[in-house]
Amino acid sequence: QVQLVESGGGLVESGGSLRLSCATSGISFGISAVAWNRQAPGNQREFVARITNGGDTAYADSVKGRVTISRDNAKNTVYLQMDNLKPEDTAVYYCDVVDFSGRPYWGKGTQVTVSS
């Protein structure tokens, strides 16, 4: 049974930090890439960051320099370290995974709220 569990969200003041985690299990073909995406109320889901199995990373311009994505393959977990958070970072953050067969998986999300 495939499981993706996001955690680490919460309420933080502007300028603060949070570390999100995405724990995965049961993905038979192995993980090709993991992306963090976010969706604020009334907005479309938008890309935040991505890391491939080889460790290549990519970031949205809006978070570049403030966010770091990393993975611990031994723990099947991907992290999103977010620093200098801004109110516009408020959203539900989702972990999206693609396995080596191309199949996508989605988590239920974790809420991040940044107060001004």
N, C-alpha and C. Protein backbone atom coordinates (compact mmCIF):
# COMPACT_ATOMS: atom_id res chain seq x y z
N GLN A 1 0.84 -1.18 0.00
CA GLN A 1 0.00 0.00 0.00
C GLN A 1 0.88 1.25 0.00
N VAL A 2 0.63 2.13 -0.96
CA VAL A 2 1.43 3.34 -1.07
C VAL A 2 0.96 4.37 -0.06
N GLN A 3 1.92 4.97 0.62
CA GLN A 3 1.59 6.05 1.54
C GLN A 3 2.54 7.22 1.34
N LEU A 4 1.97 8.40 1.30
CA LEU A 4 2.72 9.65 1.30
C LEU A 4 2.17 10.47 2.45
N VAL A 5 3.01 10.82 3.39
CA VAL A 5 2.55 11.56 4.55
C VAL A 5 3.38 12.82 4.70
N GLU A 6 2.73 13.95 4.53
CA GLU A 6 3.40 15.23 4.74
C GLU A 6 3.23 15.66 6.19
N SER A 7 4.23 16.32 6.72
CA SER A 7 4.16 16.85 8.08
C SER A 7 5.07 18.05 8.19
N GLY A 8 4.95 18.74 9.31
CA GLY A 8 5.84 19.86 9.58
C GLY A 8 5.24 21.23 9.36
N GLY A 9 4.02 21.27 8.85
CA GLY A 9 3.38 22.56 8.67
C GLY A 9 2.96 23.17 9.99
N GLY A 10 2.51 24.42 9.92
CA GLY A 10 2.08 25.09 11.14
C GLY A 10 1.95 26.57 10.94
N LEU A 11 1.81 27.27 12.04
CA LEU A 11 1.70 28.73 12.04
C LEU A 11 3.03 29.32 12.47
N VAL A 12 3.53 30.24 11.68
CA VAL A 12 4.82 30.87 11.98
C VAL A 12 4.74 32.35 11.62
N GLU A 13 5.51 33.15 12.30
CA GLU A 13 5.54 34.58 11.99
C GLU A 13 6.40 34.84 10.76
N SER A 14 6.12 35.95 10.13
CA SER A 14 6.92 36.35 8.98
C SER A 14 8.40 36.41 9.36
N GLY A 15 9.22 35.83 8.50
CA GLY A 15 10.65 35.73 8.78
C GLY A 15 11.06 34.44 9.45
N GLY A 16 10.09 33.67 9.87
CA GLY A 16 10.38 32.41 10.55
C GLY A 16 10.69 31.28 9.59
N SER A 17 10.87 30.09 10.16
CA SER A 17 11.27 28.91 9.38
C SER A 17 10.39 27.72 9.71
N LEU A 18 10.26 26.85 8.73
CA LEU A 18 9.59 25.57 8.92
C LEU A 18 10.32 24.52 8.09
N ARG A 19 10.26 23.30 8.55
CA ARG A 19 10.82 22.18 7.80
C ARG A 19 9.72 21.16 7.55
N LEU A 20 9.34 21.02 6.30
CA LEU A 20 8.32 20.06 5.93
C LEU A 20 8.97 18.71 5.61
N SER A 21 8.25 17.65 5.90
CA SER A 21 8.71 16.30 5.59
C SER A 21 7.67 15.57 4.77
N CYS A 22 8.14 14.73 3.87
CA CYS A 22 7.27 13.87 3.08
C CYS A 22 7.82 12.45 3.20
N ALA A 23 7.12 11.65 3.98
CA ALA A 23 7.55 10.26 4.19
C ALA A 23 6.80 9.36 3.23
N THR A 24 7.53 8.54 2.50
CA THR A 24 6.91 7.67 1.51
C THR A 24 7.15 6.20 1.84
N SER A 25 6.21 5.39 1.39
CA SER A 25 6.38 3.95 1.56
C SER A 25 5.54 3.23 0.53
N GLY A 26 5.96 2.02 0.17
CA GLY A 26 5.16 1.17 -0.69
C GLY A 26 5.22 1.47 -2.16
N ILE A 27 6.16 2.31 -2.59
CA ILE A 27 6.25 2.63 -4.02
C ILE A 27 7.17 1.61 -4.67
N SER A 28 6.60 0.66 -5.37
CA SER A 28 7.32 -0.53 -5.81
C SER A 28 8.43 -0.25 -6.82
N PHE A 29 8.19 0.68 -7.74
CA PHE A 29 9.16 0.91 -8.80
C PHE A 29 10.24 1.91 -8.42
N GLY A 30 10.21 2.38 -7.19
CA GLY A 30 11.20 3.36 -6.79
C GLY A 30 10.79 4.76 -7.21
N ILE A 31 11.34 5.72 -6.54
CA ILE A 31 10.95 7.11 -6.76
C ILE A 31 11.89 7.78 -7.75
N SER A 32 11.29 8.32 -8.80
CA SER A 32 12.08 9.03 -9.81
C SER A 32 12.29 10.48 -9.40
N ALA A 33 11.23 11.12 -8.96
CA ALA A 33 11.33 12.53 -8.58
C ALA A 33 10.25 12.85 -7.57
N VAL A 34 10.55 13.83 -6.74
CA VAL A 34 9.59 14.32 -5.75
C VAL A 34 9.50 15.83 -5.88
N ALA A 35 8.30 16.32 -5.90
CA ALA A 35 8.08 17.76 -5.98
C ALA A 35 7.23 18.21 -4.81
N TRP A 36 7.53 19.41 -4.33
CA TRP A 36 6.63 20.09 -3.42
C TRP A 36 5.88 21.13 -4.23
N ASN A 37 4.58 21.10 -4.12
CA ASN A 37 3.72 22.09 -4.74
C ASN A 37 2.85 22.69 -3.64
N ARG A 38 2.27 23.84 -3.91
CA ARG A 38 1.43 24.47 -2.90
C ARG A 38 0.19 25.08 -3.56
N GLN A 39 -0.83 25.20 -2.74
CA GLN A 39 -2.07 25.80 -3.22
C GLN A 39 -2.66 26.67 -2.13
N ALA A 40 -2.79 27.96 -2.45
CA ALA A 40 -3.44 28.91 -1.55
C ALA A 40 -4.91 29.00 -1.91
N PRO A 41 -5.76 29.41 -0.96
CA PRO A 41 -7.20 29.51 -1.24
C PRO A 41 -7.47 30.40 -2.45
N GLY A 42 -8.25 29.88 -3.37
CA GLY A 42 -8.61 30.65 -4.55
C GLY A 42 -7.57 30.64 -5.65
N ASN A 43 -6.44 30.01 -5.40
CA ASN A 43 -5.36 29.97 -6.40
C ASN A 43 -5.17 28.56 -6.94
N GLN A 44 -4.51 28.47 -8.07
CA GLN A 44 -4.16 27.17 -8.61
C GLN A 44 -2.94 26.62 -7.89
N ARG A 45 -2.80 25.31 -7.96
CA ARG A 45 -1.61 24.70 -7.36
C ARG A 45 -0.39 25.17 -8.14
N GLU A 46 0.67 25.51 -7.41
CA GLU A 46 1.87 25.99 -8.07
C GLU A 46 3.10 25.23 -7.58
N PHE A 47 4.05 25.15 -8.46
CA PHE A 47 5.30 24.45 -8.19
C PHE A 47 6.14 25.22 -7.18
N VAL A 48 6.78 24.50 -6.26
CA VAL A 48 7.68 25.12 -5.30
C VAL A 48 9.11 24.62 -5.52
N ALA A 49 9.28 23.31 -5.48
CA ALA A 49 10.63 22.75 -5.61
C ALA A 49 10.53 21.29 -6.03
N ARG A 50 11.62 20.78 -6.61
CA ARG A 50 11.66 19.40 -7.07
C ARG A 50 13.06 18.85 -6.88
N ILE A 51 13.12 17.55 -6.58
CA ILE A 51 14.41 16.86 -6.50
C ILE A 51 14.27 15.51 -7.20
N THR A 52 15.27 15.17 -8.01
CA THR A 52 15.24 13.91 -8.73
C THR A 52 15.97 12.83 -7.94
N ASN A 53 15.88 11.61 -8.43
CA ASN A 53 16.57 10.50 -7.78
C ASN A 53 18.08 10.74 -7.78
N GLY A 54 18.54 11.44 -8.80
CA GLY A 54 19.97 11.74 -8.88
C GLY A 54 20.40 12.93 -8.06
N GLY A 55 19.43 13.59 -7.43
CA GLY A 55 19.77 14.72 -6.57
C GLY A 55 19.70 16.08 -7.24
N ASP A 56 19.32 16.12 -8.51
CA ASP A 56 19.15 17.41 -9.17
C ASP A 56 17.95 18.14 -8.58
N THR A 57 18.10 19.44 -8.38
CA THR A 57 17.03 20.23 -7.77
C THR A 57 16.60 21.38 -8.67
N ALA A 58 15.38 21.82 -8.45
CA ALA A 58 14.85 22.98 -9.15
C ALA A 58 13.92 23.72 -8.20
N TYR A 59 13.86 25.04 -8.35
CA TYR A 59 13.05 25.85 -7.46
C TYR A 59 12.26 26.88 -8.24
N ALA A 60 11.10 27.22 -7.70
CA ALA A 60 10.35 28.33 -8.26
C ALA A 60 11.08 29.63 -7.93
N ASP A 61 10.98 30.60 -8.82
CA ASP A 61 11.66 31.87 -8.59
C ASP A 61 11.19 32.54 -7.30
N SER A 62 9.93 32.32 -6.95
CA SER A 62 9.36 32.98 -5.77
C SER A 62 9.96 32.49 -4.45
N VAL A 63 10.59 31.33 -4.48
CA VAL A 63 11.15 30.78 -3.24
C VAL A 63 12.67 30.60 -3.30
N LYS A 64 13.24 30.82 -4.47
CA LYS A 64 14.67 30.59 -4.64
C LYS A 64 15.47 31.41 -3.64
N GLY A 65 16.41 30.75 -2.98
CA GLY A 65 17.23 31.42 -1.97
C GLY A 65 16.66 31.34 -0.57
N ARG A 66 15.39 30.93 -0.46
CA ARG A 66 14.76 30.81 0.86
C ARG A 66 14.37 29.37 1.18
N VAL A 67 14.38 28.53 0.18
CA VAL A 67 13.88 27.16 0.33
C VAL A 67 14.94 26.17 -0.15
N THR A 68 15.06 25.06 0.57
CA THR A 68 16.00 24.00 0.18
C THR A 68 15.28 22.66 0.24
N ILE A 69 15.33 21.94 -0.87
CA ILE A 69 14.75 20.60 -0.90
C ILE A 69 15.87 19.58 -0.78
N SER A 70 15.63 18.53 -0.03
CA SER A 70 16.63 17.49 0.15
C SER A 70 15.92 16.15 0.35
N ARG A 71 16.70 15.07 0.24
CA ARG A 71 16.09 13.76 0.43
C ARG A 71 17.02 12.85 1.20
N ASP A 72 16.41 11.97 1.98
CA ASP A 72 17.13 10.94 2.71
C ASP A 72 16.62 9.61 2.15
N ASN A 73 17.36 9.04 1.23
CA ASN A 73 16.90 7.82 0.55
C ASN A 73 16.75 6.66 1.53
N ALA A 74 17.58 6.62 2.55
CA ALA A 74 17.51 5.53 3.52
C ALA A 74 16.18 5.57 4.29
N LYS A 75 15.66 6.79 4.47
CA LYS A 75 14.40 6.95 5.19
C LYS A 75 13.22 7.15 4.26
N ASN A 76 13.48 7.13 2.95
CA ASN A 76 12.41 7.38 1.97
C ASN A 76 11.64 8.66 2.29
N THR A 77 12.38 9.67 2.64
CA THR A 77 11.78 10.93 3.08
C THR A 77 12.42 12.11 2.33
N VAL A 78 11.58 13.03 1.94
CA VAL A 78 12.03 14.26 1.31
C VAL A 78 11.67 15.43 2.22
N TYR A 79 12.56 16.39 2.31
CA TYR A 79 12.37 17.53 3.20
C TYR A 79 12.30 18.82 2.40
N LEU A 80 11.61 19.79 2.97
CA LEU A 80 11.58 21.13 2.40
C LEU A 80 11.85 22.11 3.54
N GLN A 81 13.07 22.61 3.56
CA GLN A 81 13.45 23.61 4.56
C GLN A 81 13.07 24.98 4.03
N MET A 82 12.24 25.67 4.76
CA MET A 82 11.77 26.99 4.33
C MET A 82 12.18 28.04 5.35
N ASP A 83 12.95 29.01 4.91
CA ASP A 83 13.44 30.08 5.77
C ASP A 83 12.91 31.42 5.29
N ASN A 84 12.99 32.41 6.18
CA ASN A 84 12.53 33.76 5.83
C ASN A 84 11.14 33.72 5.20
N LEU A 85 10.24 33.03 5.86
CA LEU A 85 8.90 32.86 5.32
C LEU A 85 8.15 34.18 5.25
N LYS A 86 7.30 34.29 4.24
CA LYS A 86 6.52 35.49 4.01
C LYS A 86 5.03 35.13 4.04
N PRO A 87 4.18 36.10 4.32
CA PRO A 87 2.73 35.81 4.32
C PRO A 87 2.25 35.18 3.01
N GLU A 88 2.86 35.55 1.90
CA GLU A 88 2.45 34.98 0.62
C GLU A 88 2.85 33.52 0.44
N ASP A 89 3.61 32.99 1.39
CA ASP A 89 3.93 31.55 1.38
C ASP A 89 2.81 30.73 1.99
N THR A 90 1.82 31.39 2.57
CA THR A 90 0.70 30.68 3.18
C THR A 90 -0.04 29.85 2.15
N ALA A 91 -0.16 28.56 2.42
CA ALA A 91 -0.79 27.64 1.48
C ALA A 91 -0.80 26.24 2.08
N VAL A 92 -1.50 25.35 1.42
CA VAL A 92 -1.36 23.93 1.72
C VAL A 92 -0.25 23.39 0.83
N TYR A 93 0.72 22.74 1.43
CA TYR A 93 1.87 22.23 0.71
C TYR A 93 1.69 20.72 0.50
N TYR A 94 1.88 20.32 -0.76
CA TYR A 94 1.68 18.93 -1.15
C TYR A 94 2.98 18.31 -1.64
N CYS A 95 3.13 17.06 -1.30
CA CYS A 95 4.25 16.27 -1.79
C CYS A 95 3.75 15.42 -2.96
N ASP A 96 4.34 15.59 -4.11
CA ASP A 96 3.94 14.85 -5.31
C ASP A 96 5.11 14.00 -5.76
N VAL A 97 4.84 12.73 -5.98
CA VAL A 97 5.90 11.76 -6.29
C VAL A 97 5.62 11.11 -7.63
N VAL A 98 6.67 10.86 -8.39
CA VAL A 98 6.56 10.08 -9.63
C VAL A 98 7.52 8.90 -9.51
N ASP A 99 7.02 7.70 -9.78
CA ASP A 99 7.92 6.55 -9.71
C ASP A 99 8.55 6.30 -11.08
N PHE A 100 9.41 5.31 -11.16
CA PHE A 100 10.17 5.08 -12.40
C PHE A 100 9.30 4.53 -13.53
N SER A 101 8.09 4.12 -13.22
CA SER A 101 7.18 3.71 -14.29
C SER A 101 6.37 4.89 -14.81
N GLY A 102 6.56 6.05 -14.18
CA GLY A 102 5.84 7.25 -14.57
C GLY A 102 4.56 7.49 -13.81
N ARG A 103 4.24 6.62 -12.89
CA ARG A 103 2.99 6.76 -12.13
C ARG A 103 3.15 7.85 -11.08
N PRO A 104 2.16 8.75 -10.98
CA PRO A 104 2.21 9.80 -9.96
C PRO A 104 1.46 9.42 -8.69
N TYR A 105 1.89 10.00 -7.57
CA TYR A 105 1.22 9.82 -6.29
C TYR A 105 1.13 11.19 -5.62
N TRP A 106 0.08 11.39 -4.84
CA TRP A 106 -0.11 12.66 -4.15
C TRP A 106 -0.37 12.44 -2.67
N GLY A 107 0.14 13.37 -1.86
CA GLY A 107 -0.17 13.34 -0.46
C GLY A 107 -1.39 14.20 -0.18
N LYS A 108 -1.80 14.25 1.09
CA LYS A 108 -2.98 15.03 1.48
C LYS A 108 -2.65 16.46 1.83
N GLY A 109 -1.36 16.76 1.96
CA GLY A 109 -0.96 18.14 2.20
C GLY A 109 -0.78 18.49 3.65
N THR A 110 -0.04 19.56 3.88
CA THR A 110 0.16 20.11 5.21
C THR A 110 0.04 21.62 5.13
N GLN A 111 -0.69 22.19 6.08
CA GLN A 111 -0.98 23.63 6.04
C GLN A 111 0.19 24.44 6.58
N VAL A 112 0.58 25.45 5.84
CA VAL A 112 1.58 26.42 6.29
C VAL A 112 0.90 27.78 6.32
N THR A 113 0.95 28.42 7.47
CA THR A 113 0.36 29.75 7.63
C THR A 113 1.42 30.69 8.17
N VAL A 114 1.64 31.78 7.46
CA VAL A 114 2.65 32.76 7.86
C VAL A 114 1.93 34.06 8.20
N SER A 115 2.06 34.48 9.43
CA SER A 115 1.41 35.72 9.87
C SER A 115 2.33 36.90 9.66
N SER A 116 1.72 38.03 9.38
CA SER A 116 2.52 39.25 9.11
C SER A 116 2.80 40.02 10.38
